[in-house]
Protein backbone atom coordinates (compact mmCIF):
# COMPACT_ATOMS: atom_id res chain seq x y z
CA MET A 1 0.00 0.00 0.00
CA LYS A 2 1.34 3.41 -1.01
CA LYS A 3 1.50 6.54 1.18
CA LYS A 4 -0.73 8.42 -1.24
CA ASP A 5 -3.46 5.80 -0.72
CA VAL A 6 -3.50 6.51 3.01
CA LEU A 7 -3.48 10.27 2.42
CA ASN A 8 -6.31 10.03 -0.11
CA LEU A 9 -8.31 7.88 2.29
CA ILE A 10 -7.90 10.40 5.13
CA LYS A 11 -8.68 13.29 2.77
CA CYS A 12 -11.92 11.68 1.61
CA TYR A 13 -12.92 10.99 5.21
CA SER A 14 -12.21 14.56 6.32
CA GLU A 15 -14.26 15.95 3.41
CA ASN A 16 -17.18 13.55 4.07
CA ASN A 17 -16.65 12.22 0.56
CA ASP A 18 -18.24 8.80 1.07
CA ALA A 19 -18.01 7.73 -2.57
CA GLY A 20 -14.34 8.72 -2.76
CA PHE A 21 -13.60 6.99 0.55
CA ARG A 22 -15.20 3.78 -0.67
CA ALA A 23 -13.43 3.88 -4.04
CA GLN A 24 -10.05 4.45 -2.35
CA ALA A 25 -10.70 1.63 0.11
CA TYR A 26 -11.52 -0.72 -2.78
CA GLN A 27 -8.26 0.30 -4.43
CA ILE A 28 -6.31 -0.50 -1.26
CA ALA A 29 -8.03 -3.89 -1.02
CA LYS A 30 -7.07 -4.67 -4.61
CA GLU A 31 -3.45 -3.70 -3.92
CA PHE A 32 -3.29 -6.03 -0.93
CA ASP A 33 -4.77 -8.79 -3.08
CA SER A 34 -2.20 -8.24 -5.86
CA GLU A 35 0.58 -8.38 -3.25
CA GLY A 36 -0.64 -11.76 -2.04
CA ASP A 37 -2.37 -10.65 1.17
CA VAL A 38 -5.72 -12.10 0.16
CA GLN A 39 -7.03 -12.43 3.71
CA LEU A 40 -6.59 -8.72 4.48
CA SER A 41 -8.09 -7.78 1.12
CA GLU A 42 -11.18 -9.90 1.78
CA TYR A 43 -11.50 -8.42 5.27
CA ILE A 44 -11.52 -4.87 3.87
CA LEU A 45 -14.10 -5.86 1.25
CA SER A 46 -16.30 -7.46 3.91
CA LEU A 47 -16.24 -4.22 5.92
CA LEU A 48 -17.12 -2.21 2.83
CA SER A 49 -20.02 -4.50 1.94
CA GLY A 50 -21.73 -3.44 5.16
CA LEU A 51 -21.45 0.27 4.40
CA ASN A 52 -24.19 2.17 2.65
CA THR A 53 -21.92 4.85 1.26
CA PHE A 54 -22.48 4.41 -2.47
CA VAL A 55 -25.85 5.45 -3.81
CA PRO A 56 -26.01 5.66 -7.60
CA GLN A 57 -28.19 8.34 -9.09
CA MET A 58 -30.70 5.78 -10.32
CA LEU A 59 -31.45 4.72 -6.75
CA GLU A 60 -32.66 8.21 -6.02
CA GLY A 61 -35.86 7.77 -8.03
CA LYS A 62 -34.74 10.00 -10.89
CA SER A 63 -35.50 7.57 -13.71
CA ASP A 64 -38.49 5.56 -14.89
CA PHE A 65 -36.48 3.47 -17.31
CA PHE A 66 -34.33 1.29 -15.04
CA LYS A 67 -34.91 -1.54 -12.58
CA LYS A 68 -32.31 -2.63 -10.06
CA ILE A 69 -31.48 -6.33 -10.31
CA ILE A 70 -30.85 -8.10 -7.02
CA PRO A 71 -28.17 -10.82 -7.25
CA THR A 72 -29.07 -14.35 -6.24
CA GLN A 73 -27.07 -16.96 -4.39
CA GLU A 74 -28.08 -19.76 -6.74
CA PRO A 75 -25.24 -21.50 -8.62
CA LEU A 76 -24.53 -20.62 -12.23
CA PRO A 77 -22.82 -23.67 -13.72
CA LEU A 78 -21.41 -22.96 -17.18
CA PRO A 79 -19.18 -24.80 -19.65
CA GLU A 80 -15.49 -23.92 -19.29
CA VAL A 81 -15.44 -22.29 -22.72
CA ILE A 82 -18.12 -19.77 -21.66
CA LYS A 83 -16.54 -19.28 -18.23
CA ASP A 84 -13.26 -18.39 -19.91
CA ASP A 85 -15.01 -15.79 -22.07
CA LEU A 86 -16.66 -14.20 -19.01
CA ILE A 87 -13.36 -14.08 -17.13
CA GLY A 88 -11.83 -12.44 -20.19
CA LEU A 89 -14.66 -9.89 -20.15
CA VAL A 90 -14.00 -9.02 -16.50
CA ASN A 91 -10.27 -8.69 -17.17
CA ALA A 92 -10.90 -6.50 -20.21
CA VAL A 93 -13.02 -4.10 -18.16
CA GLY A 94 -10.31 -4.01 -15.50
CA HIS A 95 -7.74 -2.74 -18.00
CA ASN A 96 -9.74 0.51 -18.34
CA ILE A 97 -9.06 1.02 -22.05
CA GLY A 98 -12.65 1.52 -23.16
CA ILE A 99 -13.79 -2.08 -23.63
CA ASN A 100 -17.26 -1.84 -22.11
CA LYS A 101 -20.03 -3.10 -24.44
CA PHE A 102 -20.84 -6.80 -24.62
CA LEU A 103 -23.50 -8.92 -26.32
CA PHE A 104 -24.59 -12.32 -24.99
CA HIS A 105 -26.53 -14.38 -27.51
CA GLY A 106 -28.03 -17.84 -27.29
CA ALA A 107 -31.21 -19.84 -26.88
CA PRO A 108 -33.54 -19.19 -23.91
CA GLY A 109 -32.28 -20.78 -20.70
CA THR A 110 -28.60 -20.77 -21.60
CA GLY A 111 -27.67 -18.45 -18.71
CA LYS A 112 -27.24 -15.09 -20.43
CA THR A 113 -29.09 -12.95 -17.87
CA GLU A 114 -27.71 -14.87 -14.90
CA SER A 115 -24.20 -14.42 -16.30
CA ALA A 116 -24.75 -10.66 -16.41
CA LYS A 117 -25.54 -10.82 -12.68
CA GLN A 118 -22.34 -12.74 -12.02
CA VAL A 119 -20.28 -10.27 -14.08
CA ALA A 120 -21.70 -7.38 -12.03
CA ARG A 121 -20.82 -9.24 -8.82
CA LEU A 122 -17.25 -9.94 -9.97
CA LEU A 123 -16.81 -6.30 -10.98
CA GLU A 124 -18.32 -5.17 -7.65
CA ARG A 125 -20.89 -3.04 -9.46
CA GLU A 126 -24.62 -2.47 -9.12
CA LEU A 127 -26.72 -4.04 -11.89
CA TYR A 128 -29.61 -2.19 -13.52
CA SER A 129 -31.86 -3.49 -16.26
CA VAL A 130 -33.46 -1.26 -18.87
CA ASP A 131 -37.25 -1.48 -18.63
CA PHE A 132 -38.38 -1.80 -22.25
CA ASP A 133 -42.04 -1.72 -21.21
CA SER A 134 -41.49 1.88 -20.14
CA ILE A 135 -39.45 2.79 -23.19
CA ILE A 136 -41.68 1.48 -25.98
CA ASP A 137 -44.48 3.96 -26.68
CA SER A 138 -47.31 3.88 -29.21
CA LYS A 139 -46.92 7.58 -29.96
CA LEU A 140 -44.99 8.26 -33.15
CA GLY A 141 -41.37 9.06 -32.37
CA GLN A 142 -41.73 8.76 -28.59
CA THR A 143 -39.84 5.46 -28.33
CA SER A 144 -36.79 7.05 -29.97
CA LYS A 145 -37.04 10.02 -27.60
CA ASN A 146 -37.22 7.65 -24.63
CA ILE A 147 -34.11 5.83 -25.80
CA ALA A 148 -32.27 9.14 -26.13
CA THR A 149 -33.34 9.98 -22.57
CA VAL A 150 -32.01 6.62 -21.33
CA PHE A 151 -28.55 7.34 -22.72
CA ASP A 152 -28.62 10.92 -21.45
CA GLU A 153 -29.30 9.63 -17.94
CA LEU A 154 -26.54 7.04 -18.25
CA ASN A 155 -24.02 9.62 -19.39
CA ASN A 156 -24.90 11.86 -16.44
CA LEU A 157 -24.49 9.23 -13.72
CA SER A 158 -22.50 10.40 -10.71
CA HIS A 159 -20.58 7.12 -10.55
CA PRO A 160 -20.56 5.44 -13.96
CA GLU A 161 -17.69 3.21 -12.84
CA LYS A 162 -19.99 1.54 -10.32
CA VAL A 163 -22.78 0.25 -12.57
CA VAL A 164 -23.49 -2.47 -15.11
CA ILE A 165 -26.43 -1.75 -17.41
CA LEU A 166 -28.36 -4.71 -18.79
CA PHE A 167 -30.31 -4.49 -22.07
CA ASP A 168 -32.07 -7.82 -21.58
CA GLU A 169 -33.55 -9.15 -24.85
CA ILE A 170 -32.45 -6.04 -26.68
CA ASP A 171 -34.05 -7.37 -29.88
CA ALA A 172 -37.31 -5.94 -28.50
CA ILE A 173 -36.11 -2.56 -29.81
CA ALA A 174 -33.14 -3.45 -32.02
CA LEU A 175 -34.66 -5.11 -35.05
CA ASP A 176 -32.92 -5.43 -38.41
CA ARG A 177 -33.70 -2.16 -40.17
CA THR A 178 -33.32 -3.84 -43.58
CA ASN A 179 -36.16 -6.27 -42.85
CA THR A 180 -39.21 -5.32 -44.92
CA ASN A 181 -41.48 -6.54 -42.13
CA ASP A 182 -39.88 -4.15 -39.65
CA LEU A 183 -42.01 -1.31 -38.35
CA ARG A 184 -40.66 2.12 -39.25
CA GLU A 185 -40.90 3.20 -35.64
CA MET A 186 -38.69 0.31 -34.51
CA GLY A 187 -36.20 1.21 -37.21
CA ARG A 188 -35.97 4.70 -35.74
CA ALA A 189 -35.56 3.12 -32.29
CA THR A 190 -32.62 1.06 -33.54
CA SER A 191 -31.02 4.18 -35.00
CA SER A 192 -31.40 5.88 -31.61
CA ILE A 193 -29.65 2.96 -29.91
CA LEU A 194 -26.78 3.18 -32.41
CA LYS A 195 -26.31 6.85 -31.57
CA GLY A 196 -26.51 6.08 -27.85
CA PHE A 197 -23.87 3.36 -28.08
CA ASP A 198 -21.52 5.68 -29.96
CA THR A 199 -21.64 8.31 -27.18
CA LEU A 200 -21.85 6.00 -24.14
CA ASN A 201 -19.52 6.83 -21.24
CA GLU A 202 -16.68 4.28 -21.39
CA LYS A 203 -16.75 3.83 -17.61
CA ILE A 204 -20.20 2.22 -17.84
CA VAL A 205 -20.30 -1.51 -18.53
CA LEU A 206 -23.19 -2.40 -20.83
CA ILE A 207 -24.36 -5.97 -21.43
CA ALA A 208 -27.09 -6.82 -23.93
CA THR A 209 -28.73 -10.21 -24.46
CA THR A 210 -30.62 -11.63 -27.42
CA ASN A 211 -32.29 -14.89 -28.42
CA LEU A 212 -32.55 -13.77 -32.06
CA PHE A 213 -28.99 -13.10 -33.08
CA SER A 214 -29.56 -14.25 -36.68
CA ASN A 215 -32.03 -11.39 -37.16
CA PHE A 216 -29.98 -8.89 -35.19
CA ASP A 217 -29.16 -5.52 -36.71
CA LYS A 218 -25.65 -5.86 -38.13
CA ALA A 219 -24.76 -2.22 -37.55
CA LEU A 220 -25.54 -2.64 -33.86
CA SER A 221 -23.58 -5.90 -33.70
CA ARG A 222 -20.49 -3.98 -34.75
CA ARG A 223 -20.92 -1.60 -31.80
CA PHE A 224 -20.17 -4.35 -29.30
CA ASP A 225 -16.58 -4.95 -28.22
CA THR A 226 -17.22 -8.66 -27.69
CA ILE A 227 -20.01 -11.08 -28.61
CA ILE A 228 -20.28 -14.25 -26.50
CA ASP A 229 -22.13 -17.31 -27.80
CA PHE A 230 -24.06 -19.12 -25.03
CA ASN A 231 -25.11 -22.07 -27.19
CA ARG A 232 -21.88 -23.98 -26.55
CA TYR A 233 -23.09 -26.77 -24.26
CA THR A 234 -22.16 -30.41 -24.77
CA ASN A 235 -24.31 -33.22 -23.38
CA ASP A 236 -21.63 -33.92 -20.76
CA ASP A 237 -21.72 -30.24 -19.75
CA LEU A 238 -25.48 -30.47 -19.20
CA LEU A 239 -25.20 -33.68 -17.18
CA GLU A 240 -22.63 -32.05 -14.88
CA ILE A 241 -24.84 -28.98 -14.58
CA ALA A 242 -27.81 -31.17 -13.64
CA ASP A 243 -25.69 -32.67 -10.84
CA ILE A 244 -24.74 -29.21 -9.57
CA ILE A 245 -28.36 -28.04 -9.60
CA LEU A 246 -29.47 -31.16 -7.70
CA ASP A 247 -26.68 -30.76 -5.14
CA TYR A 248 -27.79 -27.18 -4.49
CA TYR A 249 -31.51 -27.84 -4.01
CA LEU A 250 -31.48 -31.35 -2.48
CA PRO A 251 -30.39 -30.26 1.04
CA LYS A 252 -33.38 -27.89 1.14
CA ILE A 253 -35.81 -30.83 0.98
CA LYS A 254 -36.19 -32.48 4.37
CA GLY A 255 -35.61 -36.23 4.29
CA ALA A 256 -34.60 -36.38 0.62
CA GLY A 257 -31.77 -38.77 -0.18
CA LYS A 258 -29.15 -38.73 -2.89
CA ASN A 259 -28.77 -41.44 -5.51
CA LYS A 260 -26.53 -39.94 -8.17
CA LYS A 261 -26.41 -43.09 -10.26
CA LEU A 262 -30.20 -43.34 -10.56
CA PHE A 263 -30.51 -39.60 -11.08
CA ARG A 264 -28.10 -39.73 -14.01
CA LYS A 265 -29.86 -42.79 -15.42
CA ILE A 266 -33.17 -40.92 -15.41
CA MET A 267 -31.63 -37.82 -16.98
CA ALA A 268 -30.10 -39.99 -19.72
CA LEU A 269 -33.60 -41.01 -20.79
CA MET A 270 -34.01 -37.60 -22.40
CA PRO A 271 -33.04 -37.69 -26.09
CA LYS A 272 -31.59 -34.21 -25.74
CA LEU A 273 -30.92 -32.57 -22.42
CA PRO A 274 -32.43 -29.07 -22.13
CA TYR A 275 -30.42 -25.94 -21.38
CA PRO A 276 -29.75 -24.98 -17.72
CA GLY A 277 -32.84 -22.78 -17.29
CA GLU A 278 -35.19 -25.63 -18.16
CA LEU A 279 -33.03 -28.15 -16.30
CA LYS A 280 -33.32 -26.08 -13.13
CA ASN A 281 -37.11 -25.85 -13.42
CA LEU A 282 -37.40 -29.59 -14.05
CA ILE A 283 -35.29 -30.55 -11.03
CA LYS A 284 -36.79 -27.92 -8.70
CA THR A 285 -40.34 -28.95 -9.59
CA SER A 286 -39.63 -32.64 -9.01
CA LEU A 287 -38.17 -31.85 -5.59
CA ALA A 288 -40.90 -29.38 -4.63
CA PHE A 289 -43.75 -31.80 -5.39
CA SER A 290 -42.12 -34.86 -3.81
CA THR A 291 -43.88 -36.50 -0.89
CA ILE A 292 -42.51 -35.48 2.50
CA GLY A 293 -40.76 -38.35 4.24
CA GLU A 294 -40.26 -40.42 1.10
CA GLU A 295 -36.53 -40.29 0.51
CA PHE A 296 -36.45 -40.79 -3.25
CA ASP A 297 -39.91 -39.70 -4.29
CA TYR A 298 -38.40 -36.73 -6.13
CA LEU A 299 -36.72 -39.23 -8.49
CA VAL A 300 -40.10 -40.79 -9.18
CA LYS A 301 -41.50 -37.33 -9.90
CA LEU A 302 -38.53 -36.55 -12.12
CA TYR A 303 -39.02 -39.83 -14.01
CA LYS A 304 -42.70 -39.03 -14.52
CA ASN A 305 -41.94 -35.52 -15.72
CA ILE A 306 -39.48 -36.88 -18.28
CA THR A 307 -41.28 -40.03 -19.46
CA GLY A 308 -44.92 -39.55 -18.46
CA LYS A 309 -44.81 -42.84 -16.53
CA ASN A 310 -45.65 -43.17 -12.83
CA GLN A 311 -43.12 -45.88 -11.89
CA ILE A 312 -39.42 -46.24 -12.57
CA THR A 313 -38.71 -49.33 -14.66
């Protein structure tokens, strides 16, 4: 830790500069971590997590277009190839050279939105989602004006370095403008997004998700620094993910027992394993509706949900 860090910390405290104090404390924690003193770094971070010193402008009720996303404690198992891409994303942001716009594309249930939550957690930033229901307006030209307002508010944030903005299912307002079936109003909306991306404060991290990448506006695609494909799951990946999901939820069911071999046998009955979102719902539902006191009834329920049969054969 450098002398200037201590001086800056004291200066921020004496000036009642809570945001500056917190930012400087985070910097000190990172320096300890880089020097190998992980325990002290984690202790500082734990103290900071209990402080309510950072309040982004959007928490002050000044915008109708954003919703704060609360992180969950549920596991997010991903294939190594996608994990590596996300780690690369976090590292790229950390270099502070203006890499800040990312697109996650893939089928529903592949973990795009949940990954955005994890990225925000790793970057120690608040996560806000753009509320498209508030942005899209039936009045001619109003949707474009709303989008312009969104980017104006983003570029005037007090602490842009402390937020991740999520454009979840951005295809709702970013259609291909060359598509003859596209509404003219949505074409104007896409143009407004292009302008907003070009002027976005580089300190803000923006993540967009889409299920319809093949129909995505190519001009907008080029605005992203990195595009991550979430469709890269092998069958073995999905089997391992099913195990992780079961291990997380099983202890929450009183009296339920574990039989990994039978569980895997039942899962293998599916011609094609679904993506993690559907896998989680399938396993959670089987556990939730199992009979209390019957140790392996959830496996019977799982078997029925997969095959339609009432008894395991």
